[in-house]
Amino acid sequence: MKKAKRSSKPRILLTGGSGYIGSEIRKRLGERFHFINMDIKSGRRDDVRNFKRLRRAVRSVDGVLHLAAVSRPKWGYQDPYHCLITNVVGTINVLEAVRLINPRAWIILASSREVFGNLAKFPATEKSPRNPLNAYAVSKVCGEDLQRQYAKNYGLRCLTLRFCGVYTGRRDILDRVIPHFILQALKSRPLIIEGSGRQKGDYVYIDDAVEGVRRAIHHVSSKRTGFYDHITLAAQNPITLTDLARMIIKLAGSKSSVIHAPPRSYDQQGFWGTFKKAYRLLGWRPRVSLPAGLRRSIKELRKL
């Protein structure tokens, strides 16, 4: 019996591949790359806390796309221990597995705009100071610093992508701000804003985020040992929460009102960044405007 030929496509271990970003990456980039999905949602202990499985999984891959995480500030606030153990130890496990088993493999870590906390100056750049406000943000700062140290001390090739307000429709986490606002608007229920509503956000549609990942893979795979960098995938198009809510109400043809609640202590009080570095190094910039992305998301969520 003949052995099946190994795919000529680059082999990538994708942690967190069942999440809303990971599933879109597999769907849209599956023809270019051979993804090996490692996720707790598989029903086994196939998650990044299982070091033995990670060691086996990295053996024959070209790179690791590390998305697996407790991925929301709210969840980190509710259970900081679980958030920090999963995110920090998970990242250590990925780095150690690659160092010990397959040091030629590159690593891309999914980080977040949350690492910046509340900045005094906008737009945020890659040189802006980090000031994490919550357990989730702390875990991402730790991940970034661990990558930098493993690149410097062990010669690994590491890249951090800082995602900014990635959104979509029914494939998204439905209590995140954009899908939650849309669902409320479609039911003509009030849209609740924690805080004044003057805080600005920066939102990237899922298609643009996936394209950023594709370009990042090509970028890091061409680098020599000891490489580290971090790149922010930002829309560079700030909008206040109040204006975002009103835009969604208008696009959905809704009669919803906007009401306010007290701010949450662990939330950023606004963020927007620049894609200059992403464009310079990756040739990436967002292509889907906020109104266009919202229309697509509204169309998807109407089907729920």
C-alpha atoms as a PDB file:
ATOM      1  CA  MET A   1       0.000   0.000   0.000  1.00  0.00           C
ATOM      2  CA  LYS A   2       1.453   3.347  -1.067  1.00  0.00           C
ATOM      3  CA  LYS A   3       1.916   6.061   1.506  1.00  0.00           C
ATOM      4  CA  ALA A   4      -0.067   9.236   0.960  1.00  0.00           C
ATOM      5  CA  LYS A   5       2.135  12.020  -0.316  1.00  0.00           C
ATOM      6  CA  ARG A   6       2.808  14.810   2.116  1.00  0.00           C
ATOM      7  CA  SER A   7       1.185  18.057   1.056  1.00  0.00           C
ATOM      8  CA  SER A   8       3.543  20.522  -0.589  1.00  0.00           C
ATOM      9  CA  LYS A   9       1.750  23.348   1.216  1.00  0.00           C
ATOM     10  CA  PRO A  10       3.477  24.841   4.273  1.00  0.00           C
ATOM     11  CA  ARG A  11       2.377  22.999   7.413  1.00  0.00           C
ATOM     12  CA  ILE A  12       1.179  25.275  10.203  1.00  0.00           C
ATOM     13  CA  LEU A  13       0.119  24.326  13.708  1.00  0.00           C
ATOM     14  CA  LEU A  14      -2.890  26.524  14.453  1.00  0.00           C
ATOM     15  CA  THR A  15      -3.723  26.803  18.139  1.00  0.00           C
ATOM     16  CA  GLY A  16      -7.207  28.113  18.815  1.00  0.00           C
ATOM     17  CA  GLY A  17      -8.285  27.206  15.309  1.00  0.00           C
ATOM     18  CA  SER A  18     -11.922  26.768  16.329  1.00  0.00           C
ATOM     19  CA  GLY A  19     -12.312  30.360  17.509  1.00  0.00           C
ATOM     20  CA  TYR A  20     -13.935  32.969  15.310  1.00  0.00           C
ATOM     21  CA  ILE A  21     -10.627  34.267  13.921  1.00  0.00           C
ATOM     22  CA  GLY A  22      -9.019  30.827  13.733  1.00  0.00           C
ATOM     23  CA  SER A  23     -11.964  29.260  11.924  1.00  0.00           C
ATOM     24  CA  GLU A  24     -11.931  32.047   9.339  1.00  0.00           C
ATOM     25  CA  ILE A  25      -8.195  31.592   8.825  1.00  0.00           C
ATOM     26  CA  ARG A  26      -8.687  27.874   8.156  1.00  0.00           C
ATOM     27  CA  LYS A  27     -11.588  28.571   5.826  1.00  0.00           C
ATOM     28  CA  ARG A  28      -9.951  31.335   3.790  1.00  0.00           C
ATOM     29  CA  LEU A  29      -6.312  30.237   3.782  1.00  0.00           C
ATOM     30  CA  GLY A  30      -6.758  26.468   3.658  1.00  0.00           C
ATOM     31  CA  GLU A  31      -5.863  26.312  -0.030  1.00  0.00           C
ATOM     32  CA  ARG A  32      -2.500  27.982   0.630  1.00  0.00           C
ATOM     33  CA  PHE A  33      -1.492  26.311   3.887  1.00  0.00           C
ATOM     34  CA  HIS A  34      -1.976  22.935   5.550  1.00  0.00           C
ATOM     35  CA  PHE A  35      -3.339  23.741   9.005  1.00  0.00           C
ATOM     36  CA  ILE A  36      -3.125  21.355  11.942  1.00  0.00           C
ATOM     37  CA  ASN A  37      -5.777  22.521  14.381  1.00  0.00           C
ATOM     38  CA  MET A  38      -5.097  22.284  18.095  1.00  0.00           C
ATOM     39  CA  ASP A  39      -7.986  23.466  20.217  1.00  0.00           C
ATOM     40  CA  ILE A  40      -9.767  22.512  23.412  1.00  0.00           C
ATOM     41  CA  LYS A  41     -13.039  22.538  21.443  1.00  0.00           C
ATOM     42  CA  SER A  42     -11.910  19.371  19.673  1.00  0.00           C
ATOM     43  CA  GLY A  43     -13.246  17.504  22.717  1.00  0.00           C
ATOM     44  CA  ARG A  44      -9.820  16.262  23.823  1.00  0.00           C
ATOM     45  CA  ARG A  45      -7.070  17.864  25.883  1.00  0.00           C
ATOM     46  CA  ASP A  46      -5.685  19.265  22.632  1.00  0.00           C
ATOM     47  CA  ASP A  47      -5.053  22.685  24.070  1.00  0.00           C
ATOM     48  CA  VAL A  48      -1.894  24.658  24.718  1.00  0.00           C
ATOM     49  CA  ARG A  49      -1.718  23.634  28.371  1.00  0.00           C
ATOM     50  CA  ASN A  50      -0.935  20.069  27.258  1.00  0.00           C
ATOM     51  CA  PHE A  51       2.823  20.260  26.733  1.00  0.00           C
ATOM     52  CA  LYS A  52       3.193  16.616  25.703  1.00  0.00           C
ATOM     53  CA  ARG A  53       0.747  17.015  22.811  1.00  0.00           C
ATOM     54  CA  LEU A  54       2.360  20.303  21.803  1.00  0.00           C
ATOM     55  CA  ARG A  55       5.770  18.652  21.581  1.00  0.00           C
ATOM     56  CA  ARG A  56       4.353  16.069  19.192  1.00  0.00           C
ATOM     57  CA  ALA A  57       2.372  18.619  17.212  1.00  0.00           C
ATOM     58  CA  VAL A  58       5.304  20.922  16.401  1.00  0.00           C
ATOM     59  CA  ARG A  59       7.587  18.139  15.203  1.00  0.00           C
ATOM     60  CA  SER A  60       6.915  18.423  11.481  1.00  0.00           C
ATOM     61  CA  VAL A  61       5.520  21.935  11.003  1.00  0.00           C
ATOM     62  CA  ASP A  62       6.957  24.970   9.272  1.00  0.00           C
ATOM     63  CA  GLY A  63       5.433  27.366  11.762  1.00  0.00           C
ATOM     64  CA  VAL A  64       2.986  27.926  14.616  1.00  0.00           C
ATOM     65  CA  LEU A  65       0.118  30.397  14.508  1.00  0.00           C
ATOM     66  CA  HIS A  66      -0.695  30.808  18.187  1.00  0.00           C
ATOM     67  CA  LEU A  67      -4.231  32.142  18.666  1.00  0.00           C
ATOM     68  CA  ALA A  68      -5.396  29.995  21.588  1.00  0.00           C
ATOM     69  CA  ALA A  69      -6.229  32.130  24.603  1.00  0.00           C
ATOM     70  CA  VAL A  70      -8.811  33.327  27.049  1.00  0.00           C
ATOM     71  CA  SER A  71      -9.473  36.073  24.580  1.00  0.00           C
ATOM     72  CA  ARG A  72     -11.548  38.797  26.225  1.00  0.00           C
ATOM     73  CA  PRO A  73     -10.873  41.336  28.989  1.00  0.00           C
ATOM     74  CA  LYS A  74     -14.278  40.525  30.508  1.00  0.00           C
ATOM     75  CA  TRP A  75     -13.405  36.835  30.861  1.00  0.00           C
ATOM     76  CA  GLY A  76     -10.018  37.705  32.312  1.00  0.00           C
ATOM     77  CA  TYR A  77     -11.704  39.967  34.858  1.00  0.00           C
ATOM     78  CA  GLN A  78     -14.157  37.244  35.850  1.00  0.00           C
ATOM     79  CA  ASP A  79     -11.470  34.555  36.224  1.00  0.00           C
ATOM     80  CA  PRO A  80      -7.973  36.071  36.203  1.00  0.00           C
ATOM     81  CA  TYR A  81      -6.277  32.864  37.341  1.00  0.00           C
ATOM     82  CA  HIS A  82      -7.640  30.841  34.440  1.00  0.00           C
ATOM     83  CA  CYS A  83      -6.844  33.655  32.003  1.00  0.00           C
ATOM     84  CA  LEU A  84      -3.228  34.019  33.118  1.00  0.00           C
ATOM     85  CA  ILE A  85      -2.532  30.291  33.370  1.00  0.00           C
ATOM     86  CA  THR A  86      -4.009  29.598  29.935  1.00  0.00           C
ATOM     87  CA  ASN A  87      -2.463  32.547  28.131  1.00  0.00           C
ATOM     88  CA  VAL A  88       0.957  32.823  29.753  1.00  0.00           C
ATOM     89  CA  VAL A  89       1.692  29.139  30.352  1.00  0.00           C
ATOM     90  CA  GLY A  90       0.185  28.318  26.962  1.00  0.00           C
ATOM     91  CA  THR A  91       2.586  30.703  25.245  1.00  0.00           C
ATOM     92  CA  ILE A  92       5.536  29.345  27.251  1.00  0.00           C
ATOM     93  CA  ASN A  93       4.546  25.833  26.183  1.00  0.00           C
ATOM     94  CA  VAL A  94       4.451  26.819  22.510  1.00  0.00           C
ATOM     95  CA  LEU A  95       7.843  28.521  22.710  1.00  0.00           C
ATOM     96  CA  GLU A  96       9.432  25.667  24.657  1.00  0.00           C
ATOM     97  CA  ALA A  97       8.030  23.009  22.331  1.00  0.00           C
ATOM     98  CA  VAL A  98       9.467  24.807  19.318  1.00  0.00           C
ATOM     99  CA  ARG A  99      12.801  25.439  21.064  1.00  0.00           C
ATOM    100  CA  LEU A 100      13.217  21.809  22.084  1.00  0.00           C
ATOM    101  CA  ILE A 101      11.713  19.965  19.122  1.00  0.00           C
ATOM    102  CA  ASN A 102      11.692  22.158  16.010  1.00  0.00           C
ATOM    103  CA  PRO A 103      13.663  25.411  16.436  1.00  0.00           C
ATOM    104  CA  ARG A 104      13.499  26.131  12.703  1.00  0.00           C
ATOM    105  CA  ALA A 105       9.741  26.710  12.927  1.00  0.00           C
ATOM    106  CA  TRP A 106       8.540  30.303  13.143  1.00  0.00           C
ATOM    107  CA  ILE A 107       5.906  31.514  15.633  1.00  0.00           C
ATOM    108  CA  ILE A 108       3.222  34.175  15.224  1.00  0.00           C
ATOM    109  CA  LEU A 109       1.500  35.232  18.446  1.00  0.00           C
ATOM    110  CA  ALA A 110      -1.923  36.859  18.408  1.00  0.00           C
ATOM    111  CA  SER A 111      -1.803  39.853  20.741  1.00  0.00           C
ATOM    112  CA  SER A 112      -4.176  42.762  21.202  1.00  0.00           C
ATOM    113  CA  ARG A 113      -4.615  46.505  21.332  1.00  0.00           C
ATOM    114  CA  GLU A 114      -5.377  45.913  25.021  1.00  0.00           C
ATOM    115  CA  VAL A 115      -1.641  45.884  25.790  1.00  0.00           C
ATOM    116  CA  PHE A 116      -1.609  49.681  25.410  1.00  0.00           C
ATOM    117  CA  GLY A 117      -4.164  50.435  28.120  1.00  0.00           C
ATOM    118  CA  ASN A 118      -5.126  54.107  28.247  1.00  0.00           C
ATOM    119  CA  LEU A 119      -2.754  56.210  26.172  1.00  0.00           C
ATOM    120  CA  ALA A 120      -2.256  59.959  26.335  1.00  0.00           C
ATOM    121  CA  LYS A 121      -1.463  60.256  22.626  1.00  0.00           C
ATOM    122  CA  PHE A 122      -3.109  58.857  19.499  1.00  0.00           C
ATOM    123  CA  PRO A 123      -2.840  57.270  17.056  1.00  0.00           C
ATOM    124  CA  ALA A 124      -1.025  54.472  18.835  1.00  0.00           C
ATOM    125  CA  THR A 125       2.091  53.183  17.116  1.00  0.00           C
ATOM    126  CA  GLU A 126       4.293  50.178  17.766  1.00  0.00           C
ATOM    127  CA  LYS A 127       6.479  52.503  19.853  1.00  0.00           C
ATOM    128  CA  SER A 128       3.651  53.617  22.135  1.00  0.00           C
ATOM    129  CA  PRO A 129       4.079  52.552  25.783  1.00  0.00           C
ATOM    130  CA  ARG A 130       2.243  49.496  27.053  1.00  0.00           C
ATOM    131  CA  ASN A 131       0.136  49.889  30.176  1.00  0.00           C
ATOM    132  CA  PRO A 132      -2.131  46.852  30.638  1.00  0.00           C
ATOM    133  CA  LEU A 133      -5.328  47.457  32.602  1.00  0.00           C
ATOM    134  CA  ASN A 134      -6.588  43.911  33.129  1.00  0.00           C
ATOM    135  CA  ALA A 135      -5.474  40.291  33.436  1.00  0.00           C
ATOM    136  CA  TYR A 136      -6.031  39.620  29.738  1.00  0.00           C
ATOM    137  CA  ALA A 137      -3.831  42.557  28.726  1.00  0.00           C
ATOM    138  CA  VAL A 138      -1.144  41.518  31.230  1.00  0.00           C
ATOM    139  CA  SER A 139      -1.140  38.019  29.726  1.00  0.00           C
ATOM    140  CA  LYS A 140      -0.605  39.463  26.246  1.00  0.00           C
ATOM    141  CA  VAL A 141       2.228  41.721  27.414  1.00  0.00           C
ATOM    142  CA  CYS A 142       3.864  38.639  28.961  1.00  0.00           C
ATOM    143  CA  GLY A 143       3.435  36.734  25.700  1.00  0.00           C
ATOM    144  CA  GLU A 144       5.048  39.506  23.684  1.00  0.00           C
ATOM    145  CA  ASP A 145       8.006  39.733  26.075  1.00  0.00           C
ATOM    146  CA  LEU A 146       8.452  35.969  26.130  1.00  0.00           C
ATOM    147  CA  GLN A 147       8.586  35.903  22.344  1.00  0.00           C
ATOM    148  CA  ARG A 148      11.191  38.665  22.314  1.00  0.00           C
ATOM    149  CA  GLN A 149      13.360  36.795  24.820  1.00  0.00           C
ATOM    150  CA  TYR A 150      13.097  33.436  23.051  1.00  0.00           C
ATOM    151  CA  ALA A 151      14.086  35.084  19.774  1.00  0.00           C
ATOM    152  CA  LYS A 152      17.054  36.833  21.384  1.00  0.00           C
ATOM    153  CA  ASN A 153      18.287  34.004  23.619  1.00  0.00           C
ATOM    154  CA  TYR A 154      17.412  30.899  21.596  1.00  0.00           C
ATOM    155  CA  GLY A 155      17.364  32.131  18.007  1.00  0.00           C
ATOM    156  CA  LEU A 156      13.669  31.498  17.339  1.00  0.00           C
ATOM    157  CA  ARG A 157      11.804  33.471  14.666  1.00  0.00           C
ATOM    158  CA  CYS A 158       8.903  35.240  16.359  1.00  0.00           C
ATOM    159  CA  LEU A 159       6.340  37.814  15.276  1.00  0.00           C
ATOM    160  CA  THR A 160       3.563  39.415  17.322  1.00  0.00           C
ATOM    161  CA  LEU A 161       0.375  40.632  15.623  1.00  0.00           C
ATOM    162  CA  ARG A 162      -1.670  43.076  17.673  1.00  0.00           C
ATOM    163  CA  PHE A 163      -5.281  42.754  16.530  1.00  0.00           C
ATOM    164  CA  CYS A 164      -7.586  45.761  16.913  1.00  0.00           C
ATOM    165  CA  GLY A 165     -11.334  45.328  17.272  1.00  0.00           C
ATOM    166  CA  VAL A 166     -11.698  42.456  14.794  1.00  0.00           C
ATOM    167  CA  TYR A 167     -15.396  41.881  14.055  1.00  0.00           C
ATOM    168  CA  THR A 168     -17.750  39.901  11.865  1.00  0.00           C
ATOM    169  CA  GLY A 169     -21.343  38.666  12.009  1.00  0.00           C
ATOM    170  CA  ARG A 170     -22.754  35.409  13.338  1.00  0.00           C
ATOM    171  CA  ARG A 171     -19.308  33.779  13.417  1.00  0.00           C
ATOM    172  CA  ASP A 172     -18.219  36.316  16.040  1.00  0.00           C
ATOM    173  CA  ILE A 173     -18.522  36.108  19.830  1.00  0.00           C
ATOM    174  CA  LEU A 174     -22.028  37.468  20.073  1.00  0.00           C
ATOM    175  CA  ASP A 175     -21.631  39.551  23.220  1.00  0.00           C
ATOM    176  CA  ARG A 176     -18.711  41.530  21.784  1.00  0.00           C
ATOM    177  CA  VAL A 177     -19.570  45.151  21.113  1.00  0.00           C
ATOM    178  CA  ILE A 178     -20.403  45.123  17.387  1.00  0.00           C
ATOM    179  CA  PRO A 179     -22.389  41.866  17.140  1.00  0.00           C
ATOM    180  CA  HIS A 180     -24.092  42.659  20.449  1.00  0.00           C
ATOM    181  CA  PHE A 181     -25.127  46.121  19.256  1.00  0.00           C
ATOM    182  CA  ILE A 182     -26.378  44.632  15.987  1.00  0.00           C
ATOM    183  CA  LEU A 183     -28.448  41.949  17.713  1.00  0.00           C
ATOM    184  CA  GLN A 184     -29.968  44.544  20.033  1.00  0.00           C
ATOM    185  CA  ALA A 185     -30.735  46.831  17.093  1.00  0.00           C
ATOM    186  CA  LEU A 186     -32.362  44.023  15.104  1.00  0.00           C
ATOM    187  CA  LYS A 187     -34.696  43.455  18.060  1.00  0.00           C
ATOM    188  CA  SER A 188     -35.215  47.223  18.554  1.00  0.00           C
ATOM    189  CA  ARG A 189     -33.837  46.922  22.067  1.00  0.00           C
ATOM    190  CA  PRO A 190     -31.690  49.620  23.740  1.00  0.00           C
ATOM    191  CA  LEU A 191     -27.980  49.691  22.977  1.00  0.00           C
ATOM    192  CA  ILE A 192     -26.161  50.052  26.302  1.00  0.00           C
ATOM    193  CA  ILE A 193     -22.831  51.878  26.410  1.00  0.00           C
ATOM    194  CA  GLU A 194     -20.625  51.591  29.499  1.00  0.00           C
ATOM    195  CA  GLY A 195     -19.223  55.068  30.062  1.00  0.00           C
ATOM    196  CA  SER A 196     -19.746  58.388  28.302  1.00  0.00           C
ATOM    197  CA  GLY A 197     -19.768  56.990  24.768  1.00  0.00           C
ATOM    198  CA  ARG A 198     -17.103  59.494  23.752  1.00  0.00           C
ATOM    199  CA  GLN A 199     -14.373  56.848  23.901  1.00  0.00           C
ATOM    200  CA  LYS A 200     -13.111  56.019  20.428  1.00  0.00           C
ATOM    201  CA  GLY A 201     -12.619  52.559  18.954  1.00  0.00           C
ATOM    202  CA  ASP A 202     -10.806  51.187  15.916  1.00  0.00           C
ATOM    203  CA  TYR A 203     -12.450  48.219  14.160  1.00  0.00           C
ATOM    204  CA  VAL A 204     -11.061  45.802  11.564  1.00  0.00           C
ATOM    205  CA  TYR A 205     -13.333  43.507   9.544  1.00  0.00           C
ATOM    206  CA  ILE A 206     -12.480  39.797   9.684  1.00  0.00           C
ATOM    207  CA  ASP A 207     -11.504  39.587   5.990  1.00  0.00           C
ATOM    208  CA  ASP A 208      -8.850  42.251   6.496  1.00  0.00           C
ATOM    209  CA  ALA A 209      -7.566  40.571   9.657  1.00  0.00           C
ATOM    210  CA  VAL A 210      -7.160  37.239   7.846  1.00  0.00           C
ATOM    211  CA  GLU A 211      -5.313  38.952   5.004  1.00  0.00           C
ATOM    212  CA  GLY A 212      -2.993  40.487   7.591  1.00  0.00           C
ATOM    213  CA  VAL A 213      -2.260  37.019   8.949  1.00  0.00           C
ATOM    214  CA  ARG A 214      -1.520  35.687   5.458  1.00  0.00           C
ATOM    215  CA  ARG A 215       0.969  38.455   4.802  1.00  0.00           C
ATOM    216  CA  ALA A 216       2.509  38.027   8.249  1.00  0.00           C
ATOM    217  CA  ILE A 217       3.121  34.326   7.568  1.00  0.00           C
ATOM    218  CA  HIS A 218       5.052  35.130   4.409  1.00  0.00           C
ATOM    219  CA  HIS A 219       6.952  37.873   6.240  1.00  0.00           C
ATOM    220  CA  VAL A 220       8.147  35.836   9.220  1.00  0.00           C
ATOM    221  CA  SER A 221       8.903  32.718   7.170  1.00  0.00           C
ATOM    222  CA  SER A 222      11.469  34.704   5.181  1.00  0.00           C
ATOM    223  CA  LYS A 223      13.390  35.858   8.268  1.00  0.00           C
ATOM    224  CA  ARG A 224      16.594  34.507   9.755  1.00  0.00           C
ATOM    225  CA  THR A 225      17.035  33.004  13.200  1.00  0.00           C
ATOM    226  CA  GLY A 226      16.744  35.382  16.124  1.00  0.00           C
ATOM    227  CA  PHE A 227      14.116  37.554  14.440  1.00  0.00           C
ATOM    228  CA  TYR A 228      11.472  39.351  16.518  1.00  0.00           C
ATOM    229  CA  ASP A 229       9.053  42.149  15.706  1.00  0.00           C
ATOM    230  CA  HIS A 230       5.532  43.308  16.564  1.00  0.00           C
ATOM    231  CA  ILE A 231       2.997  44.780  14.157  1.00  0.00           C
ATOM    232  CA  THR A 232      -0.373  46.391  14.841  1.00  0.00           C
ATOM    233  CA  LEU A 233      -3.285  45.639  12.497  1.00  0.00           C
ATOM    234  CA  ALA A 234      -5.327  48.801  13.027  1.00  0.00           C
ATOM    235  CA  ALA A 235      -7.980  50.448  10.868  1.00  0.00           C
ATOM    236  CA  GLN A 236      -6.717  53.991  11.534  1.00  0.00           C
ATOM    237  CA  ASN A 237     -10.357  55.099  11.412  1.00  0.00           C
ATOM    238  CA  PRO A 238     -11.549  56.005  14.930  1.00  0.00           C
ATOM    239  CA  ILE A 239     -15.215  56.270  15.821  1.00  0.00           C
ATOM    240  CA  THR A 240     -16.848  56.996  19.180  1.00  0.00           C
ATOM    241  CA  LEU A 241     -18.996  54.302  20.746  1.00  0.00           C
ATOM    242  CA  THR A 242     -22.013  56.588  20.525  1.00  0.00           C
ATOM    243  CA  ASP A 243     -21.475  57.161  16.805  1.00  0.00           C
ATOM    244  CA  LEU A 244     -20.894  53.433  16.274  1.00  0.00           C
ATOM    245  CA  ALA A 245     -24.186  52.644  17.998  1.00  0.00           C
ATOM    246  CA  ARG A 246     -26.032  55.242  15.917  1.00  0.00           C
ATOM    247  CA  MET A 247     -24.482  53.932  12.701  1.00  0.00           C
ATOM    248  CA  ILE A 248     -25.599  50.394  13.508  1.00  0.00           C
ATOM    249  CA  ILE A 249     -29.132  51.565  14.366  1.00  0.00           C
ATOM    250  CA  LYS A 250     -29.353  53.425  11.056  1.00  0.00           C
ATOM    251  CA  LEU A 251     -27.927  50.592   8.924  1.00  0.00           C
ATOM    252  CA  ALA A 252     -30.199  48.048  10.610  1.00  0.00           C
ATOM    253  CA  GLY A 253     -33.281  50.230  10.122  1.00  0.00           C
ATOM    254  CA  SER A 254     -33.875  49.979  13.855  1.00  0.00           C
ATOM    255  CA  LYS A 255     -35.834  52.048  16.360  1.00  0.00           C
ATOM    256  CA  SER A 256     -33.427  51.283  19.202  1.00  0.00           C
ATOM    257  CA  SER A 257     -32.322  53.939  21.657  1.00  0.00           C
ATOM    258  CA  VAL A 258     -28.851  54.448  23.145  1.00  0.00           C
ATOM    259  CA  ILE A 259     -28.528  54.439  26.918  1.00  0.00           C
ATOM    260  CA  HIS A 260     -25.526  54.680  29.223  1.00  0.00           C
ATOM    261  CA  ALA A 261     -24.272  52.623  32.156  1.00  0.00           C
ATOM    262  CA  PRO A 262     -21.307  53.163  34.509  1.00  0.00           C
ATOM    263  CA  PRO A 263     -17.882  52.438  32.974  1.00  0.00           C
ATOM    264  CA  ARG A 264     -16.112  49.183  33.789  1.00  0.00           C
ATOM    265  CA  SER A 265     -12.802  49.464  35.640  1.00  0.00           C
ATOM    266  CA  TYR A 266     -10.989  47.029  33.339  1.00  0.00           C
ATOM    267  CA  ASP A 267     -11.952  48.639  30.009  1.00  0.00           C
ATOM    268  CA  GLN A 268      -9.782  50.834  27.827  1.00  0.00           C
ATOM    269  CA  GLN A 269     -11.170  54.353  27.611  1.00  0.00           C
ATOM    270  CA  GLY A 270     -10.725  54.436  23.869  1.00  0.00           C
ATOM    271  CA  PHE A 271      -8.110  53.307  21.370  1.00  0.00           C
ATOM    272  CA  TRP A 272      -7.131  53.881  17.784  1.00  0.00           C
ATOM    273  CA  GLY A 273      -3.931  53.034  15.994  1.00  0.00           C
ATOM    274  CA  THR A 274      -2.060  53.345  12.736  1.00  0.00           C
ATOM    275  CA  PHE A 275      -1.366  50.744  10.066  1.00  0.00           C
ATOM    276  CA  LYS A 276       1.792  52.499   8.804  1.00  0.00           C
ATOM    277  CA  LYS A 277       4.174  49.780   9.959  1.00  0.00           C
ATOM    278  CA  ALA A 278       1.869  47.019   8.711  1.00  0.00           C
ATOM    279  CA  TYR A 279       1.761  48.707   5.314  1.00  0.00           C
ATOM    280  CA  ARG A 280       5.519  49.255   5.210  1.00  0.00           C
ATOM    281  CA  LEU A 281       6.454  45.688   6.150  1.00  0.00           C
ATOM    282  CA  LEU A 282       3.491  43.645   4.932  1.00  0.00           C
ATOM    283  CA  GLY A 283       1.868  45.846   2.309  1.00  0.00           C
ATOM    284  CA  TRP A 284      -1.283  45.557   4.451  1.00  0.00           C
ATOM    285  CA  ARG A 285      -4.019  48.065   4.959  1.00  0.00           C
ATOM    286  CA  PRO A 286      -7.727  47.538   5.660  1.00  0.00           C
ATOM    287  CA  ARG A 287      -9.868  47.314   2.531  1.00  0.00           C
ATOM    288  CA  VAL A 288     -13.345  46.921   4.026  1.00  0.00           C
ATOM    289  CA  SER A 289     -14.799  50.192   5.328  1.00  0.00           C
ATOM    290  CA  LEU A 290     -16.660  50.211   8.628  1.00  0.00           C
ATOM    291  CA  PRO A 291     -20.095  50.813   7.012  1.00  0.00           C
ATOM    292  CA  ALA A 292     -19.464  47.995   4.506  1.00  0.00           C
ATOM    293  CA  GLY A 293     -18.327  45.604   7.232  1.00  0.00           C
ATOM    294  CA  LEU A 294     -21.311  46.482   9.394  1.00  0.00           C
ATOM    295  CA  ARG A 295     -23.716  45.869   6.500  1.00  0.00           C
ATOM    296  CA  ARG A 296     -22.208  42.405   5.969  1.00  0.00           C
ATOM    297  CA  SER A 297     -22.410  41.658   9.688  1.00  0.00           C
ATOM    298  CA  ILE A 298     -26.027  42.844   9.917  1.00  0.00           C
ATOM    299  CA  LYS A 299     -26.946  40.649   6.948  1.00  0.00           C
ATOM    300  CA  GLU A 300     -25.390  37.602   8.631  1.00  0.00           C
ATOM    301  CA  LEU A 301     -26.955  38.265  12.014  1.00  0.00           C
ATOM    302  CA  ARG A 302     -30.433  38.689  10.527  1.00  0.00           C
ATOM    303  CA  LYS A 303     -30.262  34.960   9.768  1.00  0.00           C
ATOM    304  CA  LEU A 304     -29.955  33.937  13.421  1.00  0.00           C
END
